[in-house]
Amino acid sequence: MDTLQRIRQAVREQRYRISSHANDEMADDFLLAADIENIISTGGGPEIHP
């Protein structure tokens, strides 16, 4: 199993943590944990406009 497959499996099984720094960065971009899960699972995500 390659690294991306292991990460996707961990996301499916809710076996991951989001650091406080990652939370800050997500907030800056108006992203939720569900958005990150979707991006990792599907390879796509919301369009972000700076």
C-alpha atoms as a PDB file:
ATOM      1  CA  MET A   1       0.000   0.000   0.000  1.00  0.00           C
ATOM      2  CA  ASP A   2       1.472   3.367  -0.978  1.00  0.00           C
ATOM      3  CA  THR A   3       1.522   6.448   1.232  1.00  0.00           C
ATOM      4  CA  LEU A   4      -1.548   8.103  -0.293  1.00  0.00           C
ATOM      5  CA  GLN A   5      -3.573   4.910   0.124  1.00  0.00           C
ATOM      6  CA  ARG A   6      -2.552   4.723   3.797  1.00  0.00           C
ATOM      7  CA  ILE A   7      -3.546   8.367   4.325  1.00  0.00           C
ATOM      8  CA  ARG A   8      -6.908   7.819   2.610  1.00  0.00           C
ATOM      9  CA  GLN A   9      -7.543   4.751   4.763  1.00  0.00           C
ATOM     10  CA  ALA A  10      -6.699   6.718   7.923  1.00  0.00           C
ATOM     11  CA  VAL A  11      -9.154   9.447   6.858  1.00  0.00           C
ATOM     12  CA  ARG A  12     -11.898   6.883   6.167  1.00  0.00           C
ATOM     13  CA  GLU A  13     -11.305   5.374   9.606  1.00  0.00           C
ATOM     14  CA  GLN A  14     -11.044   8.800  11.312  1.00  0.00           C
ATOM     15  CA  ARG A  15      -7.509   7.935  12.483  1.00  0.00           C
ATOM     16  CA  TYR A  16      -5.829  11.314  12.096  1.00  0.00           C
ATOM     17  CA  ARG A  17      -5.307  14.565  13.950  1.00  0.00           C
ATOM     18  CA  ILE A  18      -5.296  18.113  12.672  1.00  0.00           C
ATOM     19  CA  SER A  19      -2.603  20.249  14.299  1.00  0.00           C
ATOM     20  CA  SER A  20      -3.393  23.651  15.747  1.00  0.00           C
ATOM     21  CA  HIS A  21      -1.276  25.207  12.992  1.00  0.00           C
ATOM     22  CA  ALA A  22      -3.268  23.320  10.336  1.00  0.00           C
ATOM     23  CA  ASN A  23      -6.501  24.504  11.987  1.00  0.00           C
ATOM     24  CA  ASP A  24      -5.267  28.095  11.818  1.00  0.00           C
ATOM     25  CA  GLU A  25      -4.388  27.707   8.138  1.00  0.00           C
ATOM     26  CA  MET A  26      -7.752  26.075   7.404  1.00  0.00           C
ATOM     27  CA  ALA A  27      -9.559  28.941   9.154  1.00  0.00           C
ATOM     28  CA  ASP A  28      -7.618  31.469   7.076  1.00  0.00           C
ATOM     29  CA  ASP A  29      -8.943  29.729   3.941  1.00  0.00           C
ATOM     30  CA  PHE A  30     -12.463  29.116   5.334  1.00  0.00           C
ATOM     31  CA  LEU A  31     -11.987  25.333   5.152  1.00  0.00           C
ATOM     32  CA  LEU A  32     -13.476  22.688   7.417  1.00  0.00           C
ATOM     33  CA  ALA A  33     -12.112  19.268   8.322  1.00  0.00           C
ATOM     34  CA  ALA A  34     -14.774  17.798   6.009  1.00  0.00           C
ATOM     35  CA  ASP A  35     -13.299  19.803   3.120  1.00  0.00           C
ATOM     36  CA  ILE A  36      -9.843  18.380   3.808  1.00  0.00           C
ATOM     37  CA  GLU A  37     -11.266  14.855   4.078  1.00  0.00           C
ATOM     38  CA  ASN A  38     -12.971  15.316   0.707  1.00  0.00           C
ATOM     39  CA  ILE A  39      -9.800  16.652  -0.902  1.00  0.00           C
ATOM     40  CA  ILE A  40      -7.777  13.701   0.364  1.00  0.00           C
ATOM     41  CA  SER A  41     -10.445  11.146  -0.558  1.00  0.00           C
ATOM     42  CA  THR A  42     -11.240  12.418  -4.036  1.00  0.00           C
ATOM     43  CA  GLY A  43      -8.243  14.490  -5.062  1.00  0.00           C
ATOM     44  CA  GLY A  44     -10.480  17.529  -5.553  1.00  0.00           C
ATOM     45  CA  GLY A  45     -11.811  20.225  -3.350  1.00  0.00           C
ATOM     46  CA  PRO A  46     -13.381  23.623  -3.094  1.00  0.00           C
ATOM     47  CA  GLU A  47     -12.050  26.372  -5.289  1.00  0.00           C
ATOM     48  CA  ILE A  48     -10.164  28.865  -3.158  1.00  0.00           C
ATOM     49  CA  HIS A  49      -9.950  32.550  -4.069  1.00  0.00           C
ATOM     50  CA  PRO A  50      -7.253  34.486  -2.219  1.00  0.00           C
END
